[in-house]
N, C-alpha and C. Protein backbone atom coordinates (compact mmCIF):
# COMPACT_ATOMS: atom_id res chain seq x y z
N MET A 1 -15.85 196.98 56.73
CA MET A 1 -14.54 196.48 56.35
C MET A 1 -13.54 197.62 56.35
N ASN A 2 -12.33 197.28 56.54
CA ASN A 2 -11.27 198.27 56.55
C ASN A 2 -10.42 198.10 55.29
N TYR A 3 -10.51 199.09 54.42
CA TYR A 3 -9.81 199.05 53.13
C TYR A 3 -8.31 198.80 53.33
N GLN A 4 -7.71 199.50 54.27
CA GLN A 4 -6.27 199.38 54.52
C GLN A 4 -5.91 197.96 54.94
N LYS A 5 -6.70 197.36 55.81
CA LYS A 5 -6.41 196.00 56.26
C LYS A 5 -6.55 195.00 55.13
N LEU A 6 -7.53 195.22 54.25
CA LEU A 6 -7.69 194.32 53.10
C LEU A 6 -6.49 194.42 52.16
N LEU A 7 -6.00 195.62 51.94
CA LEU A 7 -4.82 195.81 51.10
C LEU A 7 -3.59 195.15 51.73
N GLU A 8 -3.42 195.35 53.03
CA GLU A 8 -2.29 194.74 53.72
C GLU A 8 -2.37 193.22 53.66
N ARG A 9 -3.58 192.69 53.82
CA ARG A 9 -3.76 191.23 53.75
C ARG A 9 -3.36 190.71 52.38
N PHE A 10 -3.76 191.44 51.34
CA PHE A 10 -3.40 191.05 49.97
C PHE A 10 -1.88 190.95 49.81
N TRP A 11 -1.17 192.00 50.24
CA TRP A 11 0.29 192.02 50.08
C TRP A 11 0.98 191.07 51.05
N ASP A 12 0.40 190.84 52.23
CA ASP A 12 1.01 189.95 53.22
C ASP A 12 0.93 188.48 52.83
N LEU A 13 0.10 188.14 51.85
CA LEU A 13 0.04 186.76 51.42
C LEU A 13 1.35 186.31 50.80
N ASN A 14 2.19 187.29 50.45
CA ASN A 14 3.53 187.01 49.94
C ASN A 14 3.48 186.05 48.76
N ARG A 15 2.56 186.34 47.85
CA ARG A 15 2.37 185.53 46.66
C ARG A 15 2.56 186.43 45.45
N ASP A 16 3.13 185.92 44.43
CA ASP A 16 3.31 186.69 43.21
C ASP A 16 2.03 186.64 42.38
N PHE A 17 1.13 187.55 42.69
CA PHE A 17 -0.12 187.62 41.92
C PHE A 17 0.19 188.14 40.53
N SER A 18 -0.52 187.62 39.55
CA SER A 18 -0.37 188.12 38.18
C SER A 18 -1.01 189.51 38.09
N ASP A 19 -0.73 190.19 37.00
CA ASP A 19 -1.33 191.51 36.82
C ASP A 19 -2.85 191.42 36.76
N LYS A 20 -3.39 190.39 36.12
CA LYS A 20 -4.85 190.24 36.03
C LYS A 20 -5.46 189.93 37.39
N GLU A 21 -4.80 189.11 38.18
CA GLU A 21 -5.29 188.81 39.53
C GLU A 21 -5.31 190.07 40.38
N THR A 22 -4.26 190.86 40.28
CA THR A 22 -4.17 192.10 41.05
C THR A 22 -5.25 193.08 40.62
N ILE A 23 -5.40 193.27 39.32
CA ILE A 23 -6.42 194.20 38.82
C ILE A 23 -7.81 193.74 39.23
N LEU A 24 -8.07 192.45 39.12
CA LEU A 24 -9.38 191.93 39.50
C LEU A 24 -9.66 192.17 40.98
N TYR A 25 -8.71 191.87 41.83
CA TYR A 25 -8.93 192.07 43.27
C TYR A 25 -9.18 193.54 43.59
N PHE A 26 -8.38 194.41 43.03
CA PHE A 26 -8.54 195.84 43.31
C PHE A 26 -9.85 196.36 42.73
N TYR A 27 -10.28 195.84 41.60
CA TYR A 27 -11.57 196.27 41.05
C TYR A 27 -12.71 195.77 41.93
N LEU A 28 -12.61 194.54 42.41
CA LEU A 28 -13.65 194.04 43.31
C LEU A 28 -13.71 194.85 44.61
N LEU A 29 -12.55 195.23 45.14
CA LEU A 29 -12.54 196.11 46.32
C LEU A 29 -13.20 197.44 46.00
N HIS A 30 -12.85 198.01 44.87
CA HIS A 30 -13.44 199.29 44.44
C HIS A 30 -14.96 199.19 44.35
N ARG A 31 -15.43 198.13 43.70
CA ARG A 31 -16.88 197.97 43.52
C ARG A 31 -17.57 197.78 44.86
N CYS A 32 -17.02 196.94 45.71
CA CYS A 32 -17.60 196.69 47.02
C CYS A 32 -17.65 197.98 47.83
N ASN A 33 -16.57 198.75 47.81
CA ASN A 33 -16.52 200.02 48.52
C ASN A 33 -17.57 200.99 47.98
N SER A 34 -17.70 201.07 46.66
CA SER A 34 -18.66 202.01 46.06
C SER A 34 -20.10 201.65 46.40
N LEU A 35 -20.34 200.39 46.76
CA LEU A 35 -21.68 199.94 47.15
C LEU A 35 -21.91 200.01 48.66
N GLY A 36 -20.92 200.49 49.41
CA GLY A 36 -21.07 200.61 50.86
C GLY A 36 -20.73 199.35 51.62
N TRP A 37 -19.88 198.50 51.06
CA TRP A 37 -19.39 197.28 51.67
C TRP A 37 -20.49 196.28 52.03
N PRO A 38 -21.33 195.91 51.05
CA PRO A 38 -22.31 194.86 51.35
C PRO A 38 -21.61 193.52 51.53
N GLU A 39 -22.29 192.60 52.17
CA GLU A 39 -21.70 191.28 52.39
C GLU A 39 -21.45 190.57 51.05
N THR A 40 -22.40 190.67 50.14
CA THR A 40 -22.23 190.14 48.78
C THR A 40 -22.68 191.20 47.79
N PHE A 41 -22.15 191.13 46.59
CA PHE A 41 -22.54 192.06 45.53
C PHE A 41 -22.43 191.32 44.21
N SER A 42 -23.15 191.81 43.21
CA SER A 42 -23.18 191.12 41.93
C SER A 42 -22.42 191.91 40.86
N LEU A 43 -21.84 191.17 39.95
CA LEU A 43 -21.14 191.72 38.80
C LEU A 43 -21.29 190.75 37.64
N SER A 44 -21.32 191.30 36.45
CA SER A 44 -21.36 190.42 35.27
C SER A 44 -19.95 190.05 34.85
N ASN A 45 -19.83 188.87 34.29
CA ASN A 45 -18.54 188.46 33.74
C ASN A 45 -18.10 189.41 32.64
N ASP A 46 -19.04 189.87 31.84
CA ASP A 46 -18.71 190.78 30.75
C ASP A 46 -18.06 192.06 31.27
N GLU A 47 -18.57 192.59 32.38
CA GLU A 47 -17.97 193.81 32.96
C GLU A 47 -16.54 193.54 33.42
N LEU A 48 -16.33 192.41 34.06
CA LEU A 48 -14.99 192.09 34.55
C LEU A 48 -14.02 191.85 33.39
N ILE A 49 -14.47 191.19 32.37
CA ILE A 49 -13.63 190.94 31.19
C ILE A 49 -13.24 192.26 30.55
N GLU A 50 -14.18 193.19 30.48
CA GLU A 50 -13.89 194.51 29.93
C GLU A 50 -12.89 195.27 30.81
N ARG A 51 -13.07 195.22 32.10
CA ARG A 51 -12.16 195.92 33.03
C ARG A 51 -10.75 195.35 32.97
N LEU A 52 -10.64 194.03 32.86
CA LEU A 52 -9.33 193.39 32.82
C LEU A 52 -8.71 193.41 31.43
N LYS A 53 -9.52 193.73 30.42
CA LYS A 53 -9.04 193.72 29.02
C LYS A 53 -8.43 192.36 28.70
N CYS A 54 -9.23 191.32 28.89
CA CYS A 54 -8.72 189.96 28.69
C CYS A 54 -9.82 189.06 28.15
N ARG A 55 -9.46 187.84 27.91
CA ARG A 55 -10.40 186.82 27.46
C ARG A 55 -11.12 186.23 28.67
N PRO A 56 -12.30 185.64 28.43
CA PRO A 56 -13.05 185.05 29.55
C PRO A 56 -12.24 184.04 30.36
N HIS A 57 -11.49 183.18 29.69
CA HIS A 57 -10.70 182.17 30.39
C HIS A 57 -9.67 182.81 31.33
N THR A 58 -9.06 183.89 30.89
CA THR A 58 -8.06 184.59 31.72
C THR A 58 -8.72 185.17 32.97
N MET A 59 -9.91 185.77 32.80
CA MET A 59 -10.64 186.32 33.95
C MET A 59 -10.99 185.21 34.93
N MET A 60 -11.45 184.07 34.40
CA MET A 60 -11.82 182.95 35.27
C MET A 60 -10.62 182.39 36.02
N GLU A 61 -9.47 182.34 35.38
CA GLU A 61 -8.25 181.90 36.06
C GLU A 61 -7.85 182.86 37.17
N ALA A 62 -7.95 184.17 36.90
CA ALA A 62 -7.63 185.18 37.91
C ALA A 62 -8.59 185.06 39.09
N ARG A 63 -9.87 184.89 38.80
CA ARG A 63 -10.88 184.74 39.86
C ARG A 63 -10.58 183.51 40.69
N LYS A 64 -10.24 182.39 40.06
CA LYS A 64 -9.94 181.16 40.79
C LYS A 64 -8.73 181.34 41.71
N ALA A 65 -7.72 182.06 41.23
CA ALA A 65 -6.53 182.30 42.06
C ALA A 65 -6.90 183.10 43.31
N LEU A 66 -7.78 184.09 43.16
CA LEU A 66 -8.21 184.89 44.32
C LEU A 66 -9.05 184.06 45.29
N ILE A 67 -9.88 183.19 44.73
CA ILE A 67 -10.67 182.29 45.58
C ILE A 67 -9.74 181.34 46.33
N ASP A 68 -8.81 180.72 45.61
CA ASP A 68 -7.88 179.78 46.23
C ASP A 68 -6.99 180.43 47.28
N SER A 69 -6.74 181.73 47.13
CA SER A 69 -5.94 182.47 48.11
C SER A 69 -6.76 182.91 49.31
N GLY A 70 -8.06 182.69 49.27
CA GLY A 70 -8.93 183.05 50.39
C GLY A 70 -9.28 184.53 50.44
N LEU A 71 -9.12 185.24 49.33
CA LEU A 71 -9.41 186.68 49.32
C LEU A 71 -10.85 187.00 48.97
N ILE A 72 -11.49 186.14 48.18
CA ILE A 72 -12.87 186.37 47.77
C ILE A 72 -13.63 185.06 47.78
N THR A 73 -14.95 185.18 47.77
CA THR A 73 -15.81 184.04 47.48
C THR A 73 -16.60 184.40 46.23
N TYR A 74 -17.11 183.38 45.58
CA TYR A 74 -17.79 183.56 44.30
C TYR A 74 -18.93 182.56 44.20
N GLN A 75 -20.04 183.04 43.65
CA GLN A 75 -21.17 182.16 43.36
C GLN A 75 -21.65 182.48 41.96
N SER A 76 -21.74 181.48 41.14
CA SER A 76 -22.17 181.66 39.76
C SER A 76 -23.57 182.26 39.71
N GLY A 77 -23.78 183.04 38.68
CA GLY A 77 -25.07 183.72 38.51
C GLY A 77 -26.15 182.86 37.88
N ASN A 78 -25.87 181.58 37.62
CA ASN A 78 -26.89 180.66 37.12
C ASN A 78 -27.44 181.10 35.76
N GLY A 79 -26.54 181.22 34.81
CA GLY A 79 -26.96 181.56 33.45
C GLY A 79 -26.34 182.85 32.95
N ARG A 80 -26.30 183.00 31.63
CA ARG A 80 -25.63 184.15 31.03
C ARG A 80 -26.25 185.49 31.43
N ARG A 81 -27.53 185.54 31.60
CA ARG A 81 -28.19 186.82 31.89
C ARG A 81 -28.17 187.19 33.37
N ASN A 82 -27.72 186.29 34.21
CA ASN A 82 -27.69 186.54 35.65
C ASN A 82 -26.27 186.82 36.11
N ASN A 83 -26.07 187.92 36.80
CA ASN A 83 -24.76 188.27 37.31
C ASN A 83 -24.29 187.27 38.36
N SER A 84 -22.98 187.19 38.51
CA SER A 84 -22.37 186.38 39.54
C SER A 84 -22.29 187.17 40.83
N PHE A 85 -22.15 186.49 41.95
CA PHE A 85 -22.08 187.14 43.26
C PHE A 85 -20.70 186.95 43.85
N TYR A 86 -20.19 188.02 44.45
CA TYR A 86 -18.86 188.05 45.05
C TYR A 86 -18.95 188.53 46.48
N SER A 87 -18.01 188.08 47.28
CA SER A 87 -17.81 188.58 48.64
C SER A 87 -16.33 188.78 48.84
N ILE A 88 -15.98 189.82 49.56
CA ILE A 88 -14.61 190.06 49.96
C ILE A 88 -14.41 189.40 51.31
N VAL A 89 -13.41 188.55 51.43
CA VAL A 89 -13.14 187.86 52.69
C VAL A 89 -12.25 188.75 53.54
N ALA A 90 -12.74 189.08 54.73
CA ALA A 90 -11.99 189.97 55.63
C ALA A 90 -11.00 189.20 56.46
């Protein structure tokens, strides 16, 4: 993946992303990059809530906005102890 193209795609959507949506997307890019750009990667909701400094509902709304914008995909981790899976859409 090309980090620059992903950033340009984010800004080219010409949508007023909230601060939480922006932070979430950039954190997901950071995590994906740090893992060597795997097709999918896992993260816990607790980690994302801590990074965004928000309530669970706010994180879920931000995640849904990114999914609806076509920037990420998401698969539930099937229970509290199982991390969720994310993909960055190129």
